[in-house]
Amino acid sequence: MFIDIHPSWQSVLSEEIKKPYFLELVKTVDEEYQNHICFPPKELLFAAFDYCSFDDLKVVIIGQDPYHGEGEANGLCFSVNDGVRIPPSLRNIFRELNDDLGTIFMPTSGNLECWAKQGVLLLNASLSVRKDNPNSHKHLKWNVFTDAVIETISNQKEHVVFLLWGSFAHKKGLKIDRKKHLVLECGHPSPMSANQGKWFGNRHFSKTNDYLKSNGIPEINW
């Protein structure tokens, strides 16, 4: 499988993608796509990096793995293709966004490409999944790669906002240098967590923009 990843990321991850574990990962993922229906489409495996270059990176949002239903996943965490019904977690994200920023209209599309193009890295811990089988590629060492991505961002960038939603994302953020970056944590936006009072009211979107603005970085038009 050809590693079609944005040149800016190839540069900073050049040593990582040469490591034996990653070469084995690529081979195994390729076999999975040959033998099973997997998502997102293979050409979108690294879409999160393609839409958000390393140079433009401002914010990191961490998800677990892609949506596993037909036609949903587009390579960006929490995001779905245009025309796909907005999933419950994303609906809760939009609700908090509206409450936080005082907007009136809920988005009609769950496609978050517009965020990614502004410098939001929408990174799933695992970049692939089998159809109708959540977490089915968790064992393939995607986590090793995405941990390395997070650590690289922490080491080589400054003033990045990391949005860690839920205990899984919290664990992914253990190696972030919190003296250089802003880390915002809360519960997951899934209905179960949100209904227990762990999501709504976090105001992460306005806090992100306040931090970016205070450091002379253009805000995100959420």
N, C-alpha and C. Protein backbone atom coordinates (compact mmCIF):
# COMPACT_ATOMS: atom_id res chain seq x y z
N MET A 1 0.85 -1.19 0.00
CA MET A 1 0.00 0.00 0.00
C MET A 1 0.88 1.24 0.00
N PHE A 2 0.64 2.14 -0.90
CA PHE A 2 1.40 3.38 -0.98
C PHE A 2 0.97 4.32 0.14
N ILE A 3 1.93 4.89 0.86
CA ILE A 3 1.62 5.80 1.96
C ILE A 3 1.39 7.19 1.39
N ASP A 4 0.14 7.49 1.11
CA ASP A 4 -0.22 8.76 0.50
C ASP A 4 -0.54 9.75 1.61
N ILE A 5 0.49 10.41 2.13
CA ILE A 5 0.33 11.33 3.24
C ILE A 5 0.96 12.66 2.85
N HIS A 6 0.39 13.74 3.31
CA HIS A 6 0.84 15.08 2.93
C HIS A 6 2.36 15.23 3.13
N PRO A 7 3.04 15.86 2.18
CA PRO A 7 4.51 15.99 2.26
C PRO A 7 5.01 16.61 3.56
N SER A 8 4.26 17.54 4.13
CA SER A 8 4.70 18.17 5.38
C SER A 8 4.76 17.17 6.52
N TRP A 9 3.85 16.18 6.49
CA TRP A 9 3.86 15.12 7.51
C TRP A 9 4.92 14.06 7.19
N GLN A 10 5.09 13.77 5.90
CA GLN A 10 6.13 12.81 5.54
C GLN A 10 7.48 13.28 6.04
N SER A 11 7.70 14.58 6.01
CA SER A 11 8.96 15.14 6.46
C SER A 11 9.18 14.91 7.96
N VAL A 12 8.19 15.25 8.78
CA VAL A 12 8.38 15.15 10.24
C VAL A 12 8.24 13.72 10.75
N LEU A 13 7.60 12.86 9.95
CA LEU A 13 7.40 11.46 10.36
C LEU A 13 8.28 10.50 9.57
N SER A 14 9.28 11.05 8.90
CA SER A 14 10.10 10.23 7.98
C SER A 14 10.73 9.03 8.68
N GLU A 15 11.23 9.22 9.89
CA GLU A 15 11.85 8.10 10.61
C GLU A 15 10.80 7.11 11.10
N GLU A 16 9.65 7.62 11.51
CA GLU A 16 8.60 6.76 12.05
C GLU A 16 8.07 5.79 11.01
N ILE A 17 7.85 6.30 9.79
CA ILE A 17 7.24 5.45 8.77
C ILE A 17 8.24 4.48 8.13
N LYS A 18 9.48 4.53 8.58
CA LYS A 18 10.48 3.55 8.14
C LYS A 18 10.65 2.42 9.15
N LYS A 19 10.06 2.56 10.32
CA LYS A 19 10.24 1.57 11.38
C LYS A 19 9.56 0.24 11.02
N PRO A 20 10.13 -0.88 11.47
CA PRO A 20 9.56 -2.19 11.13
C PRO A 20 8.09 -2.34 11.49
N TYR A 21 7.67 -1.84 12.64
CA TYR A 21 6.27 -1.99 13.04
C TYR A 21 5.35 -1.31 12.03
N PHE A 22 5.77 -0.15 11.51
CA PHE A 22 4.90 0.60 10.59
C PHE A 22 4.84 -0.10 9.23
N LEU A 23 5.96 -0.61 8.77
CA LEU A 23 5.97 -1.35 7.51
C LEU A 23 5.10 -2.59 7.61
N GLU A 24 5.13 -3.25 8.76
CA GLU A 24 4.27 -4.42 8.98
C GLU A 24 2.80 -3.99 9.08
N LEU A 25 2.56 -2.86 9.71
CA LEU A 25 1.20 -2.33 9.81
C LEU A 25 0.62 -2.07 8.43
N VAL A 26 1.38 -1.42 7.57
CA VAL A 26 0.92 -1.11 6.22
C VAL A 26 0.59 -2.39 5.45
N LYS A 27 1.44 -3.38 5.59
CA LYS A 27 1.22 -4.66 4.91
C LYS A 27 -0.06 -5.32 5.41
N THR A 28 -0.26 -5.33 6.73
CA THR A 28 -1.43 -5.98 7.31
C THR A 28 -2.72 -5.24 6.93
N VAL A 29 -2.68 -3.92 6.96
CA VAL A 29 -3.86 -3.14 6.59
C VAL A 29 -4.21 -3.39 5.12
N ASP A 30 -3.21 -3.46 4.28
CA ASP A 30 -3.44 -3.74 2.86
C ASP A 30 -4.14 -5.08 2.69
N GLU A 31 -3.70 -6.09 3.43
CA GLU A 31 -4.34 -7.41 3.37
C GLU A 31 -5.77 -7.35 3.88
N GLU A 32 -6.01 -6.57 4.93
CA GLU A 32 -7.36 -6.42 5.46
C GLU A 32 -8.30 -5.84 4.39
N TYR A 33 -7.83 -4.84 3.67
CA TYR A 33 -8.65 -4.23 2.63
C TYR A 33 -8.88 -5.17 1.45
N GLN A 34 -7.94 -6.06 1.21
CA GLN A 34 -8.11 -7.04 0.13
C GLN A 34 -9.11 -8.13 0.50
N ASN A 35 -9.14 -8.50 1.78
CA ASN A 35 -9.91 -9.66 2.22
C ASN A 35 -11.23 -9.33 2.91
N HIS A 36 -11.42 -8.06 3.28
CA HIS A 36 -12.62 -7.66 4.00
C HIS A 36 -13.07 -6.28 3.51
N ILE A 37 -14.32 -5.94 3.79
CA ILE A 37 -14.78 -4.58 3.54
C ILE A 37 -14.33 -3.73 4.72
N CYS A 38 -13.54 -2.71 4.46
CA CYS A 38 -12.99 -1.87 5.51
C CYS A 38 -13.26 -0.40 5.20
N PHE A 39 -13.24 0.40 6.23
CA PHE A 39 -13.48 1.83 6.10
C PHE A 39 -12.39 2.61 6.83
N PRO A 40 -12.11 3.84 6.42
CA PRO A 40 -12.67 4.54 5.26
C PRO A 40 -12.12 3.94 3.97
N PRO A 41 -12.55 4.41 2.80
CA PRO A 41 -11.90 3.96 1.57
C PRO A 41 -10.39 4.13 1.68
N LYS A 42 -9.67 3.19 1.10
CA LYS A 42 -8.21 3.16 1.29
C LYS A 42 -7.54 4.49 0.97
N GLU A 43 -8.05 5.17 -0.06
CA GLU A 43 -7.41 6.44 -0.45
C GLU A 43 -7.64 7.55 0.58
N LEU A 44 -8.52 7.31 1.58
CA LEU A 44 -8.78 8.30 2.61
C LEU A 44 -8.18 7.94 3.97
N LEU A 45 -7.37 6.90 4.01
CA LEU A 45 -6.78 6.46 5.28
C LEU A 45 -6.03 7.60 5.98
N PHE A 46 -5.33 8.42 5.21
CA PHE A 46 -4.53 9.49 5.79
C PHE A 46 -5.13 10.87 5.50
N ALA A 47 -6.45 10.90 5.32
CA ALA A 47 -7.11 12.16 4.98
C ALA A 47 -6.93 13.22 6.05
N ALA A 48 -6.88 12.82 7.31
CA ALA A 48 -6.70 13.79 8.39
C ALA A 48 -5.44 14.61 8.19
N PHE A 49 -4.38 13.96 7.68
CA PHE A 49 -3.11 14.63 7.46
C PHE A 49 -3.12 15.44 6.16
N ASP A 50 -3.87 14.95 5.19
CA ASP A 50 -3.92 15.64 3.90
C ASP A 50 -4.69 16.96 3.99
N TYR A 51 -5.76 16.98 4.78
CA TYR A 51 -6.56 18.19 4.91
C TYR A 51 -5.90 19.21 5.84
N CYS A 52 -5.09 18.73 6.77
CA CYS A 52 -4.47 19.60 7.77
C CYS A 52 -2.97 19.39 7.73
N SER A 53 -2.24 20.26 7.08
CA SER A 53 -0.79 20.09 6.99
C SER A 53 -0.15 20.36 8.35
N PHE A 54 1.04 19.83 8.54
CA PHE A 54 1.76 20.03 9.79
C PHE A 54 2.02 21.52 10.04
N ASP A 55 2.31 22.23 8.99
CA ASP A 55 2.62 23.66 9.12
C ASP A 55 1.42 24.48 9.58
N ASP A 56 0.22 24.07 9.15
CA ASP A 56 -0.99 24.83 9.46
C ASP A 56 -1.69 24.39 10.74
N LEU A 57 -1.16 23.35 11.37
CA LEU A 57 -1.83 22.72 12.52
C LEU A 57 -2.01 23.68 13.69
N LYS A 58 -3.25 23.76 14.21
CA LYS A 58 -3.56 24.60 15.37
C LYS A 58 -4.22 23.80 16.50
N VAL A 59 -5.05 22.83 16.11
CA VAL A 59 -5.88 22.10 17.07
C VAL A 59 -5.83 20.61 16.73
N VAL A 60 -5.84 19.77 17.76
CA VAL A 60 -5.91 18.31 17.58
C VAL A 60 -7.13 17.79 18.32
N ILE A 61 -8.00 17.07 17.62
CA ILE A 61 -9.12 16.36 18.25
C ILE A 61 -8.88 14.87 18.03
N ILE A 62 -8.99 14.08 19.09
CA ILE A 62 -8.66 12.67 19.02
C ILE A 62 -9.92 11.82 19.16
N GLY A 63 -10.15 10.96 18.17
CA GLY A 63 -11.24 9.99 18.23
C GLY A 63 -10.67 8.58 18.40
N GLN A 64 -11.56 7.59 18.42
CA GLN A 64 -11.10 6.22 18.68
C GLN A 64 -10.84 5.46 17.40
N ASP A 65 -11.87 5.24 16.59
CA ASP A 65 -11.66 4.61 15.28
C ASP A 65 -12.77 5.04 14.34
N PRO A 66 -12.64 4.79 13.03
CA PRO A 66 -13.62 5.30 12.06
C PRO A 66 -15.01 4.70 12.26
N TYR A 67 -16.01 5.40 11.76
CA TYR A 67 -17.35 4.84 11.70
C TYR A 67 -17.30 3.57 10.84
N HIS A 68 -18.08 2.58 11.25
CA HIS A 68 -17.97 1.26 10.60
C HIS A 68 -19.17 0.92 9.72
N GLY A 69 -20.04 1.91 9.48
CA GLY A 69 -21.18 1.68 8.60
C GLY A 69 -20.88 2.09 7.16
N GLU A 70 -21.61 1.52 6.25
CA GLU A 70 -21.40 1.78 4.82
C GLU A 70 -21.53 3.28 4.51
N GLY A 71 -20.49 3.83 3.86
CA GLY A 71 -20.55 5.20 3.36
C GLY A 71 -20.41 6.30 4.39
N GLU A 72 -20.06 5.95 5.64
CA GLU A 72 -20.00 6.96 6.69
C GLU A 72 -18.62 7.60 6.82
N ALA A 73 -17.59 6.79 7.03
CA ALA A 73 -16.26 7.30 7.38
C ALA A 73 -15.61 8.02 6.20
N ASN A 74 -14.96 9.15 6.51
CA ASN A 74 -14.23 9.89 5.47
C ASN A 74 -12.79 10.20 5.87
N GLY A 75 -12.29 9.49 6.89
CA GLY A 75 -10.90 9.66 7.30
C GLY A 75 -10.66 10.73 8.34
N LEU A 76 -11.72 11.41 8.77
CA LEU A 76 -11.62 12.45 9.79
C LEU A 76 -12.44 12.02 11.00
N CYS A 77 -11.87 12.09 12.19
CA CYS A 77 -12.61 11.61 13.36
C CYS A 77 -13.87 12.44 13.60
N PHE A 78 -14.92 11.77 14.02
CA PHE A 78 -16.24 12.32 14.30
C PHE A 78 -16.97 12.81 13.05
N SER A 79 -16.32 12.83 11.91
CA SER A 79 -16.87 13.38 10.68
C SER A 79 -17.51 12.29 9.82
N VAL A 80 -18.58 12.65 9.12
CA VAL A 80 -19.21 11.73 8.16
C VAL A 80 -19.35 12.45 6.82
N ASN A 81 -19.53 11.67 5.79
CA ASN A 81 -19.71 12.23 4.45
C ASN A 81 -21.00 13.04 4.35
N ASP A 82 -21.02 13.98 3.44
CA ASP A 82 -22.24 14.74 3.16
C ASP A 82 -23.37 13.78 2.82
N GLY A 83 -24.55 14.07 3.32
CA GLY A 83 -25.71 13.25 3.03
C GLY A 83 -25.92 12.11 4.00
N VAL A 84 -24.95 11.84 4.87
CA VAL A 84 -25.08 10.79 5.88
C VAL A 84 -25.72 11.40 7.13
N ARG A 85 -26.63 10.68 7.73
CA ARG A 85 -27.27 11.17 8.95
C ARG A 85 -26.22 11.46 10.02
N ILE A 86 -26.35 12.60 10.68
CA ILE A 86 -25.36 13.01 11.68
C ILE A 86 -25.45 12.07 12.89
N PRO A 87 -24.33 11.41 13.23
CA PRO A 87 -24.34 10.46 14.36
C PRO A 87 -24.59 11.15 15.70
N PRO A 88 -25.04 10.38 16.70
CA PRO A 88 -25.40 10.98 18.00
C PRO A 88 -24.27 11.77 18.65
N SER A 89 -23.04 11.26 18.64
CA SER A 89 -21.93 11.98 19.27
C SER A 89 -21.68 13.32 18.58
N LEU A 90 -21.76 13.32 17.26
CA LEU A 90 -21.53 14.55 16.52
C LEU A 90 -22.67 15.53 16.74
N ARG A 91 -23.89 15.03 16.88
CA ARG A 91 -25.01 15.92 17.20
C ARG A 91 -24.76 16.64 18.52
N ASN A 92 -24.22 15.89 19.49
CA ASN A 92 -23.92 16.50 20.79
C ASN A 92 -22.77 17.50 20.69
N ILE A 93 -21.81 17.22 19.82
CA ILE A 93 -20.73 18.19 19.58
C ILE A 93 -21.31 19.48 19.02
N PHE A 94 -22.19 19.35 18.06
CA PHE A 94 -22.82 20.54 17.46
C PHE A 94 -23.69 21.29 18.48
N ARG A 95 -24.37 20.56 19.36
CA ARG A 95 -25.20 21.20 20.38
C ARG A 95 -24.33 22.04 21.32
N GLU A 96 -23.21 21.46 21.76
CA GLU A 96 -22.30 22.19 22.64
C GLU A 96 -21.70 23.39 21.92
N LEU A 97 -21.36 23.20 20.67
CA LEU A 97 -20.81 24.29 19.86
C LEU A 97 -21.80 25.45 19.78
N ASN A 98 -23.06 25.13 19.51
CA ASN A 98 -24.08 26.17 19.42
C ASN A 98 -24.29 26.89 20.76
N ASP A 99 -24.34 26.11 21.85
CA ASP A 99 -24.53 26.70 23.17
C ASP A 99 -23.32 27.57 23.55
N ASP A 100 -22.13 27.10 23.21
CA ASP A 100 -20.89 27.79 23.57
C ASP A 100 -20.75 29.12 22.83
N LEU A 101 -20.99 29.09 21.54
CA LEU A 101 -20.75 30.26 20.71
C LEU A 101 -22.01 31.09 20.45
N GLY A 102 -23.15 30.62 20.94
CA GLY A 102 -24.38 31.39 20.80
C GLY A 102 -24.92 31.44 19.39
N THR A 103 -24.62 30.40 18.59
CA THR A 103 -25.16 30.37 17.23
C THR A 103 -26.59 29.84 17.26
N ILE A 104 -27.27 30.01 16.16
CA ILE A 104 -28.70 29.70 16.12
C ILE A 104 -28.99 28.39 15.39
N PHE A 105 -28.32 28.19 14.25
CA PHE A 105 -28.68 27.07 13.39
C PHE A 105 -27.74 25.89 13.58
N MET A 106 -28.31 24.70 13.70
CA MET A 106 -27.52 23.48 13.77
C MET A 106 -27.03 23.14 12.37
N PRO A 107 -25.78 22.66 12.21
CA PRO A 107 -25.30 22.24 10.89
C PRO A 107 -26.17 21.13 10.32
N THR A 108 -26.33 21.14 9.02
CA THR A 108 -27.12 20.11 8.35
C THR A 108 -26.25 18.99 7.79
N SER A 109 -24.94 19.20 7.79
CA SER A 109 -24.00 18.18 7.33
C SER A 109 -23.01 17.87 8.44
N GLY A 110 -22.65 16.59 8.56
CA GLY A 110 -21.67 16.16 9.55
C GLY A 110 -20.27 16.08 8.99
N ASN A 111 -20.05 16.65 7.81
CA ASN A 111 -18.72 16.64 7.21
C ASN A 111 -17.89 17.76 7.82
N LEU A 112 -16.77 17.39 8.47
CA LEU A 112 -15.96 18.36 9.18
C LEU A 112 -14.71 18.79 8.41
N GLU A 113 -14.74 18.61 7.10
CA GLU A 113 -13.60 19.03 6.29
C GLU A 113 -13.28 20.52 6.49
N CYS A 114 -14.31 21.32 6.70
CA CYS A 114 -14.10 22.77 6.86
C CYS A 114 -13.26 23.06 8.11
N TRP A 115 -13.40 22.23 9.15
CA TRP A 115 -12.53 22.39 10.32
C TRP A 115 -11.10 22.01 9.97
N ALA A 116 -10.96 20.85 9.32
CA ALA A 116 -9.63 20.32 9.00
C ALA A 116 -8.83 21.31 8.15
N LYS A 117 -9.51 21.94 7.20
CA LYS A 117 -8.82 22.87 6.30
C LYS A 117 -8.35 24.14 7.01
N GLN A 118 -8.85 24.37 8.22
CA GLN A 118 -8.42 25.53 9.00
C GLN A 118 -7.31 25.20 9.99
N GLY A 119 -6.88 23.94 10.00
CA GLY A 119 -5.79 23.56 10.90
C GLY A 119 -6.20 22.69 12.06
N VAL A 120 -7.35 22.01 11.95
CA VAL A 120 -7.79 21.08 12.99
C VAL A 120 -7.48 19.65 12.54
N LEU A 121 -6.57 18.99 13.24
CA LEU A 121 -6.24 17.61 12.92
C LEU A 121 -7.26 16.70 13.58
N LEU A 122 -8.10 16.06 12.79
CA LEU A 122 -9.17 15.18 13.28
C LEU A 122 -8.66 13.75 13.23
N LEU A 123 -7.95 13.36 14.29
CA LEU A 123 -7.14 12.14 14.30
C LEU A 123 -7.81 11.01 15.06
N ASN A 124 -8.14 9.93 14.37
CA ASN A 124 -8.55 8.71 15.06
C ASN A 124 -7.32 7.95 15.54
N ALA A 125 -7.45 7.30 16.69
CA ALA A 125 -6.34 6.49 17.22
C ALA A 125 -6.02 5.33 16.27
N SER A 126 -7.06 4.70 15.75
CA SER A 126 -6.92 3.70 14.69
C SER A 126 -7.48 4.30 13.41
N LEU A 127 -6.75 4.17 12.32
CA LEU A 127 -7.16 4.85 11.09
C LEU A 127 -8.03 3.98 10.19
N SER A 128 -8.29 2.74 10.60
CA SER A 128 -9.11 1.86 9.76
C SER A 128 -9.96 0.95 10.64
N VAL A 129 -10.96 0.33 10.02
CA VAL A 129 -11.86 -0.56 10.76
C VAL A 129 -12.57 -1.47 9.76
N ARG A 130 -12.93 -2.68 10.19
CA ARG A 130 -13.76 -3.55 9.35
C ARG A 130 -15.22 -3.11 9.42
N LYS A 131 -15.93 -3.34 8.34
CA LYS A 131 -17.35 -3.01 8.28
C LYS A 131 -18.11 -3.68 9.43
N ASP A 132 -18.95 -2.90 10.09
CA ASP A 132 -19.84 -3.37 11.16
C ASP A 132 -19.11 -4.05 12.30
N ASN A 133 -17.84 -3.68 12.50
CA ASN A 133 -17.05 -4.33 13.55
C ASN A 133 -16.15 -3.30 14.25
N PRO A 134 -16.73 -2.50 15.15
CA PRO A 134 -15.95 -1.44 15.80
C PRO A 134 -14.73 -1.97 16.54
N ASN A 135 -13.67 -1.19 16.49
CA ASN A 135 -12.40 -1.52 17.16
C ASN A 135 -11.72 -2.76 16.61
N SER A 136 -12.13 -3.20 15.43
CA SER A 136 -11.59 -4.44 14.86
C SER A 136 -10.13 -4.31 14.42
N HIS A 137 -9.64 -3.09 14.26
CA HIS A 137 -8.24 -2.91 13.87
C HIS A 137 -7.40 -2.32 15.01
N LYS A 138 -7.95 -2.38 16.21
CA LYS A 138 -7.25 -1.84 17.37
C LYS A 138 -5.91 -2.55 17.60
N HIS A 139 -5.84 -3.81 17.24
CA HIS A 139 -4.63 -4.63 17.50
C HIS A 139 -3.54 -4.43 16.45
N LEU A 140 -3.79 -3.64 15.43
CA LEU A 140 -2.86 -3.55 14.31
C LEU A 140 -1.72 -2.54 14.51
N LYS A 141 -1.57 -2.00 15.70
CA LYS A 141 -0.50 -1.04 16.04
C LYS A 141 -0.69 0.34 15.42
N TRP A 142 -1.93 0.62 15.01
CA TRP A 142 -2.22 2.01 14.65
C TRP A 142 -1.93 2.93 15.84
N ASN A 143 -2.21 2.42 17.05
CA ASN A 143 -2.01 3.23 18.24
C ASN A 143 -0.56 3.66 18.42
N VAL A 144 0.36 2.79 18.04
CA VAL A 144 1.78 3.13 18.14
C VAL A 144 2.09 4.32 17.23
N PHE A 145 1.54 4.25 16.03
CA PHE A 145 1.76 5.33 15.06
C PHE A 145 1.12 6.64 15.52
N THR A 146 -0.14 6.58 15.95
CA THR A 146 -0.81 7.82 16.33
C THR A 146 -0.24 8.40 17.63
N ASP A 147 0.26 7.56 18.53
CA ASP A 147 0.97 8.07 19.70
C ASP A 147 2.21 8.85 19.26
N ALA A 148 2.91 8.31 18.26
CA ALA A 148 4.11 8.99 17.74
C ALA A 148 3.74 10.31 17.09
N VAL A 149 2.61 10.36 16.40
CA VAL A 149 2.14 11.60 15.79
C VAL A 149 1.89 12.65 16.86
N ILE A 150 1.19 12.27 17.93
CA ILE A 150 0.88 13.21 19.01
C ILE A 150 2.16 13.71 19.68
N GLU A 151 3.09 12.80 19.91
CA GLU A 151 4.35 13.18 20.55
C GLU A 151 5.17 14.10 19.64
N THR A 152 5.15 13.84 18.35
CA THR A 152 5.85 14.69 17.39
C THR A 152 5.27 16.11 17.39
N ILE A 153 3.96 16.20 17.39
CA ILE A 153 3.31 17.51 17.44
C ILE A 153 3.71 18.25 18.72
N SER A 154 3.65 17.53 19.85
CA SER A 154 3.99 18.14 21.13
C SER A 154 5.43 18.66 21.14
N ASN A 155 6.34 17.88 20.56
CA ASN A 155 7.76 18.24 20.60
C ASN A 155 8.13 19.34 19.62
N GLN A 156 7.50 19.32 18.45
CA GLN A 156 7.96 20.19 17.37
C GLN A 156 7.10 21.43 17.13
N LYS A 157 5.94 21.50 17.78
CA LYS A 157 5.07 22.66 17.62
C LYS A 157 4.94 23.40 18.95
N GLU A 158 4.36 24.58 18.91
CA GLU A 158 4.03 25.34 20.11
C GLU A 158 2.60 25.86 20.01
N HIS A 159 1.96 26.02 21.15
CA HIS A 159 0.63 26.64 21.24
C HIS A 159 -0.42 25.90 20.41
N VAL A 160 -0.38 24.57 20.47
CA VAL A 160 -1.43 23.75 19.86
C VAL A 160 -2.47 23.43 20.93
N VAL A 161 -3.74 23.44 20.56
CA VAL A 161 -4.81 23.06 21.48
C VAL A 161 -5.16 21.59 21.24
N PHE A 162 -5.10 20.79 22.28
CA PHE A 162 -5.49 19.38 22.21
C PHE A 162 -6.84 19.22 22.92
N LEU A 163 -7.84 18.73 22.18
CA LEU A 163 -9.16 18.49 22.75
C LEU A 163 -9.31 16.99 22.98
N LEU A 164 -9.32 16.60 24.25
CA LEU A 164 -9.34 15.18 24.62
C LEU A 164 -10.70 14.87 25.25
N TRP A 165 -11.52 14.17 24.52
CA TRP A 165 -12.90 13.91 24.93
C TRP A 165 -13.07 12.44 25.28
N GLY A 166 -13.23 12.15 26.56
CA GLY A 166 -13.40 10.78 27.02
C GLY A 166 -12.10 10.17 27.51
N SER A 167 -12.21 9.11 28.32
CA SER A 167 -11.04 8.50 28.96
C SER A 167 -10.04 7.96 27.96
N PHE A 168 -10.52 7.45 26.83
CA PHE A 168 -9.59 6.92 25.82
C PHE A 168 -8.70 8.03 25.30
N ALA A 169 -9.29 9.18 24.97
CA ALA A 169 -8.51 10.31 24.47
C ALA A 169 -7.58 10.86 25.55
N HIS A 170 -8.04 10.85 26.81
CA HIS A 170 -7.19 11.33 27.90
C HIS A 170 -5.88 10.54 27.95
N LYS A 171 -5.98 9.23 27.78
CA LYS A 171 -4.78 8.38 27.81
C LYS A 171 -3.86 8.68 26.63
N LYS A 172 -4.44 9.01 25.49
CA LYS A 172 -3.62 9.34 24.32
C LYS A 172 -2.83 10.64 24.53
N GLY A 173 -3.23 11.43 25.50
CA GLY A 173 -2.59 12.73 25.70
C GLY A 173 -1.54 12.76 26.79
N LEU A 174 -1.11 11.60 27.26
CA LEU A 174 -0.20 11.56 28.41
C LEU A 174 1.17 12.17 28.11
N LYS A 175 1.59 12.13 26.84
CA LYS A 175 2.93 12.62 26.51
C LYS A 175 2.95 14.04 25.96
N ILE A 176 1.83 14.73 26.06
CA ILE A 176 1.77 16.11 25.59
C ILE A 176 2.44 17.03 26.61
N ASP A 177 3.28 17.92 26.15
CA ASP A 177 3.94 18.90 27.01
C ASP A 177 2.94 20.02 27.30
N ARG A 178 2.40 20.02 28.50
CA ARG A 178 1.33 20.96 28.84
C ARG A 178 1.85 22.35 29.19
N LYS A 179 3.16 22.51 29.19
CA LYS A 179 3.73 23.84 29.37
C LYS A 179 3.77 24.61 28.04
N LYS A 180 3.79 23.85 26.94
CA LYS A 180 3.85 24.45 25.60
C LYS A 180 2.49 24.54 24.92
N HIS A 181 1.57 23.72 25.37
CA HIS A 181 0.29 23.57 24.66
C HIS A 181 -0.87 23.67 25.65
N LEU A 182 -2.06 23.90 25.11
CA LEU A 182 -3.29 23.88 25.91
C LEU A 182 -3.97 22.53 25.73
N VAL A 183 -4.22 21.84 26.84
CA VAL A 183 -4.93 20.56 26.81
C VAL A 183 -6.26 20.73 27.53
N LEU A 184 -7.35 20.51 26.80
CA LEU A 184 -8.70 20.60 27.37
C LEU A 184 -9.31 19.21 27.40
N GLU A 185 -9.77 18.79 28.56
CA GLU A 185 -10.31 17.45 28.74
C GLU A 185 -11.73 17.51 29.29
N CYS A 186 -12.55 16.55 28.86
CA CYS A 186 -13.89 16.39 29.42
C CYS A 186 -14.38 15.00 29.05
N GLY A 187 -15.63 14.70 29.37
CA GLY A 187 -16.20 13.42 28.99
C GLY A 187 -16.42 13.33 27.48
N HIS A 188 -16.75 12.14 27.03
CA HIS A 188 -17.00 11.90 25.60
C HIS A 188 -18.37 12.46 25.22
N PRO A 189 -18.51 12.94 23.98
CA PRO A 189 -19.81 13.48 23.56
C PRO A 189 -20.87 12.43 23.25
N SER A 190 -20.58 11.16 23.46
CA SER A 190 -21.59 10.12 23.22
C SER A 190 -22.79 10.36 24.13
N PRO A 191 -23.99 9.93 23.73
CA PRO A 191 -25.18 10.18 24.54
C PRO A 191 -25.05 9.70 25.99
N MET A 192 -24.45 8.53 26.20
CA MET A 192 -24.35 8.00 27.57
C MET A 192 -23.54 8.94 28.46
N SER A 193 -22.39 9.38 27.97
CA SER A 193 -21.53 10.28 28.74
C SER A 193 -22.17 11.65 28.88
N ALA A 194 -22.71 12.16 27.76
CA ALA A 194 -23.30 13.51 27.77
C ALA A 194 -24.48 13.58 28.72
N ASN A 195 -25.30 12.54 28.76
CA ASN A 195 -26.48 12.52 29.62
C ASN A 195 -26.12 12.40 31.10
N GLN A 196 -24.87 12.02 31.38
CA GLN A 196 -24.40 11.96 32.77
C GLN A 196 -23.72 13.25 33.20
N GLY A 197 -23.82 14.28 32.36
CA GLY A 197 -23.28 15.58 32.71
C GLY A 197 -21.79 15.74 32.48
N LYS A 198 -21.21 14.87 31.64
CA LYS A 198 -19.76 14.90 31.45
C LYS A 198 -19.33 15.62 30.16
N TRP A 199 -20.30 16.11 29.40
CA TRP A 199 -19.96 16.73 28.11
C TRP A 199 -20.44 18.18 28.00
N PHE A 200 -21.73 18.39 28.16
CA PHE A 200 -22.29 19.72 27.91
C PHE A 200 -21.76 20.75 28.91
N GLY A 201 -21.50 21.94 28.39
CA GLY A 201 -20.99 23.01 29.23
C GLY A 201 -19.48 23.10 29.29
N ASN A 202 -18.77 22.29 28.48
CA ASN A 202 -17.31 22.32 28.54
C ASN A 202 -16.71 23.57 27.90
N ARG A 203 -17.42 24.18 26.98
CA ARG A 203 -17.01 25.44 26.31
C ARG A 203 -15.64 25.32 25.66
N HIS A 204 -15.34 24.16 25.15
CA HIS A 204 -14.03 23.93 24.54
C HIS A 204 -13.80 24.76 23.28
N PHE A 205 -14.84 25.08 22.58
CA PHE A 205 -14.68 25.80 21.30
C PHE A 205 -14.28 27.26 21.53
N SER A 206 -14.95 27.91 22.47
CA SER A 206 -14.58 29.30 22.78
C SER A 206 -13.23 29.35 23.50
N LYS A 207 -12.95 28.38 24.37
CA LYS A 207 -11.67 28.34 25.06
C LYS A 207 -10.51 28.14 24.07
N THR A 208 -10.76 27.31 23.06
CA THR A 208 -9.76 27.11 22.02
C THR A 208 -9.45 28.41 21.31
N ASN A 209 -10.49 29.10 20.88
CA ASN A 209 -10.29 30.35 20.14
C ASN A 209 -9.67 31.44 21.01
N ASP A 210 -10.04 31.48 22.28
CA ASP A 210 -9.43 32.46 23.19
C ASP A 210 -7.93 32.22 23.30
N TYR A 211 -7.54 30.97 23.41
CA TYR A 211 -6.12 30.62 23.53
C TYR A 211 -5.37 30.95 22.25
N LEU A 212 -5.94 30.56 21.11
CA LEU A 212 -5.29 30.86 19.83
C LEU A 212 -5.11 32.38 19.67
N LYS A 213 -6.17 33.12 19.94
CA LYS A 213 -6.12 34.58 19.79
C LYS A 213 -5.07 35.19 20.70
N SER A 214 -4.96 34.68 21.94
CA SER A 214 -4.00 35.23 22.90
C SER A 214 -2.56 34.97 22.47
N ASN A 215 -2.37 33.99 21.59
CA ASN A 215 -1.03 33.68 21.08
C ASN A 215 -0.81 34.15 19.65
N GLY A 216 -1.70 35.04 19.19
CA GLY A 216 -1.54 35.63 17.86
C GLY A 216 -1.80 34.67 16.72
N ILE A 217 -2.61 33.65 16.98
CA ILE A 217 -2.91 32.63 15.96
C ILE A 217 -4.36 32.82 15.50
N PRO A 218 -4.62 32.79 14.21
CA PRO A 218 -6.00 32.96 13.73
C PRO A 218 -6.95 31.93 14.35
N GLU A 219 -8.13 32.39 14.75
CA GLU A 219 -9.11 31.52 15.39
C GLU A 219 -9.75 30.57 14.37
N ILE A 220 -10.38 29.53 14.89
CA ILE A 220 -11.11 28.58 14.06
C ILE A 220 -12.54 29.06 13.85
N ASN A 221 -13.00 29.08 12.63
CA ASN A 221 -14.41 29.38 12.35
C ASN A 221 -15.18 28.07 12.44
N TRP A 222 -15.63 27.77 13.66
CA TRP A 222 -16.33 26.52 13.91
C TRP A 222 -17.69 26.50 13.20
